[in-house]
Amino acid sequence: MKTIETPLMTEEKRALRKAIISRAILFFVAFLPVIIFTVYILYLALMSFVEGDQDAFSYIVPILFVLWYAAAYKFIFPQYRNIFKYGQTKQIIETKVLDISLFQNGKMMSYYITTDYNIINTARNVIFFSIPVAKIEKGMTLYLHIIPSVENEILRISASEENQ
């Protein structure tokens, strides 16, 4: 497994920008109301301690609040931090396909590609492809273009080592 670090191509920058914008919209539409709601519930729980009428709810909410934000700090925020920190460079990892399987869940169809680097879910882990997924075969050499320190997201999958 060989790793090369190169600057991002124009089309990769565009794809990454679209992904960041869509995630920002998702954040403001879905996560921000949840954050506001949890802070309000935490406020109510803490006020019950001040007023002296605490119950089980008053003890459970702060614990859940800390667990929720600790999980977000570990799993959600590092990806955004690393995209902004390493946003101009990428790593190209050369890997071999060990197995490929098709998974269909209702209308959505995705491939699971097992490589010597990791298992890739094409519906969740890849932003765009330079090679059609149907042409990927067992034993084939793939080049995974990833943002450094972002482990579970692949910017692009290609069949050749181009880095223009």
Protein backbone atom coordinates (compact mmCIF):
# COMPACT_ATOMS: atom_id res chain seq x y z
CA MET A 1 0.00 0.00 0.00
CA LYS A 2 1.63 3.19 -1.24
CA THR A 3 0.63 6.71 -0.15
CA ILE A 4 1.35 9.95 -2.05
CA GLU A 5 0.37 13.48 -0.96
CA THR A 6 -0.63 15.92 -3.74
CA PRO A 7 -2.70 19.12 -4.15
CA LEU A 8 -6.39 18.85 -4.92
CA MET A 9 -7.55 18.98 -8.53
CA THR A 10 -10.12 21.58 -9.61
CA GLU A 11 -12.95 19.05 -9.94
CA GLU A 12 -12.11 17.63 -6.51
CA LYS A 13 -12.21 21.10 -4.98
CA ARG A 14 -15.61 21.64 -6.57
CA ALA A 15 -16.94 18.30 -5.27
CA LEU A 16 -15.55 18.99 -1.80
CA ARG A 17 -17.09 22.47 -1.79
CA LYS A 18 -20.50 21.00 -2.74
CA ALA A 19 -20.20 18.41 0.03
CA ILE A 20 -19.31 21.08 2.60
CA ILE A 21 -22.20 23.32 1.50
CA SER A 22 -24.71 20.46 1.65
CA ARG A 23 -23.45 19.50 5.10
CA ALA A 24 -23.69 23.10 6.29
CA ILE A 25 -27.29 23.22 5.10
CA LEU A 26 -27.97 19.90 6.86
CA PHE A 27 -26.37 21.31 10.00
CA PHE A 28 -28.55 24.42 10.03
CA VAL A 29 -31.75 22.59 9.08
CA ALA A 30 -31.39 19.45 11.20
CA PHE A 31 -28.67 19.72 13.83
CA LEU A 32 -29.00 23.33 14.94
CA PRO A 33 -32.63 22.89 16.09
CA VAL A 34 -31.56 19.72 17.96
CA ILE A 35 -28.71 21.63 19.60
CA ILE A 36 -31.01 24.48 20.60
CA PHE A 37 -33.60 22.02 21.94
CA THR A 38 -31.02 20.07 23.98
CA VAL A 39 -29.57 23.26 25.46
CA TYR A 40 -33.11 24.36 26.44
CA ILE A 41 -33.84 20.97 28.04
CA LEU A 42 -30.50 21.17 29.87
CA TYR A 43 -31.44 24.66 31.07
CA LEU A 44 -34.77 23.32 32.42
CA ALA A 45 -32.99 20.44 34.15
CA LEU A 46 -30.47 22.77 35.77
CA MET A 47 -33.22 25.18 36.83
CA SER A 48 -34.95 22.32 38.63
CA PHE A 49 -31.80 22.01 40.80
CA VAL A 50 -31.86 25.76 41.51
CA GLU A 51 -35.54 25.66 42.45
CA GLY A 52 -35.04 22.55 44.60
CA ASP A 53 -37.60 20.33 42.85
CA GLN A 54 -35.29 17.98 40.98
CA ASP A 55 -36.41 14.54 39.83
CA ALA A 56 -34.89 11.71 37.76
CA PHE A 57 -35.19 13.87 34.64
CA SER A 58 -32.91 16.45 36.25
CA TYR A 59 -30.13 13.88 36.68
CA ILE A 60 -30.51 12.04 33.37
CA VAL A 61 -30.54 15.09 31.06
CA PRO A 62 -27.08 16.48 31.97
CA ILE A 63 -25.58 13.01 31.57
CA LEU A 64 -27.20 12.56 28.15
CA PHE A 65 -26.14 16.07 27.19
CA VAL A 66 -22.50 15.34 27.97
CA LEU A 67 -22.62 11.96 26.18
CA TRP A 68 -24.27 13.49 23.09
CA TYR A 69 -21.72 16.28 22.74
CA ALA A 70 -18.78 13.99 23.54
CA ALA A 71 -19.89 11.69 20.71
CA ALA A 72 -20.32 14.66 18.37
CA TYR A 73 -16.87 15.94 19.35
CA LYS A 74 -15.35 12.55 18.55
CA PHE A 75 -17.29 11.55 15.40
CA ILE A 76 -18.77 14.64 13.70
CA PHE A 77 -16.53 17.64 14.37
CA PRO A 78 -13.12 16.09 13.45
CA GLN A 79 -14.22 15.61 9.84
CA TYR A 80 -15.08 19.29 9.46
CA ARG A 81 -11.89 20.34 11.25
CA ASN A 82 -9.74 18.13 9.04
CA ILE A 83 -11.46 19.25 5.84
CA PHE A 84 -10.66 22.87 6.69
CA LYS A 85 -7.19 22.06 7.98
CA TYR A 86 -6.10 19.88 5.05
CA GLY A 87 -8.51 21.33 2.49
CA GLN A 88 -5.87 21.96 -0.17
CA THR A 89 -4.10 18.59 -0.16
CA LYS A 90 -5.07 14.98 -0.61
CA GLN A 91 -3.48 11.61 -0.15
CA ILE A 92 -3.57 9.01 -2.88
CA ILE A 93 -3.55 5.50 -1.48
CA GLU A 94 -2.86 2.59 -3.79
CA THR A 95 -4.90 -0.47 -2.80
CA LYS A 96 -6.05 -3.79 -4.22
CA VAL A 97 -9.68 -4.93 -4.43
CA LEU A 98 -10.13 -8.11 -2.39
CA ASP A 99 -13.89 -8.49 -2.85
CA ILE A 100 -16.84 -6.56 -4.25
CA SER A 101 -20.49 -7.16 -3.42
CA LEU A 102 -23.76 -5.49 -4.38
CA PHE A 103 -26.21 -4.49 -1.69
CA GLN A 104 -29.72 -3.29 -2.49
CA ASN A 105 -31.94 -1.71 0.14
CA GLY A 106 -35.26 -0.80 -1.42
CA LYS A 107 -34.56 1.65 -4.25
CA MET A 108 -31.01 2.40 -3.15
CA MET A 109 -28.23 0.25 -4.55
CA SER A 110 -24.67 0.37 -3.28
CA TYR A 111 -21.49 -1.63 -3.57
CA TYR A 112 -19.29 -2.80 -0.75
CA ILE A 113 -15.70 -2.89 -1.95
CA THR A 114 -13.31 -4.73 0.35
CA THR A 115 -9.73 -3.59 -0.16
CA ASP A 116 -6.51 -4.11 1.74
CA TYR A 117 -6.97 -0.53 3.04
CA ASN A 118 -10.57 -0.77 4.32
CA ILE A 119 -14.16 -1.61 3.37
CA ILE A 120 -15.76 1.04 1.16
CA ASN A 121 -19.52 1.61 1.03
CA THR A 122 -20.02 3.43 -2.27
CA ALA A 123 -23.29 5.02 -1.18
CA ARG A 124 -21.86 6.58 1.98
CA ASN A 125 -18.09 6.85 1.79
CA VAL A 126 -17.35 8.16 -1.72
CA ILE A 127 -18.00 11.70 -2.99
CA PHE A 128 -17.40 10.92 -6.68
CA PHE A 129 -15.85 8.34 -8.99
CA SER A 130 -13.39 8.59 -11.88
CA ILE A 131 -14.17 4.99 -12.80
CA PRO A 132 -17.68 3.49 -13.05
CA VAL A 133 -18.36 1.21 -10.09
CA ALA A 134 -19.59 -1.54 -12.41
CA LYS A 135 -16.08 -1.77 -13.95
CA ILE A 136 -14.36 -2.42 -10.63
CA GLU A 137 -13.27 -6.05 -10.42
CA LYS A 138 -11.69 -8.33 -7.86
CA GLY A 139 -7.87 -8.06 -7.90
CA MET A 140 -7.92 -4.61 -9.55
CA THR A 141 -5.65 -1.83 -8.29
CA LEU A 142 -7.54 1.26 -7.16
CA TYR A 143 -6.29 4.67 -6.11
CA LEU A 144 -8.24 6.22 -3.23
CA HIS A 145 -8.01 10.01 -3.08
CA ILE A 146 -8.67 11.02 0.52
CA ILE A 147 -8.35 14.12 2.67
CA PRO A 148 -5.60 13.49 5.27
CA SER A 149 -6.96 12.43 8.69
CA VAL A 150 -10.50 11.88 7.35
CA GLU A 151 -10.72 8.11 7.64
CA ASN A 152 -14.22 7.16 6.57
CA GLU A 153 -14.72 9.40 3.55
CA ILE A 154 -13.11 9.06 0.16
CA LEU A 155 -12.95 12.08 -2.09
CA ARG A 156 -12.53 10.06 -5.29
CA ILE A 157 -11.77 6.55 -6.52
CA SER A 158 -9.75 6.15 -9.70
CA ALA A 159 -8.12 3.31 -11.60
CA SER A 160 -4.96 5.22 -12.48
CA GLU A 161 -2.56 7.34 -10.47
CA GLU A 162 -3.36 10.64 -12.19
CA ASN A 163 -2.93 13.69 -10.01
CA GLN A 164 -3.37 16.65 -12.38
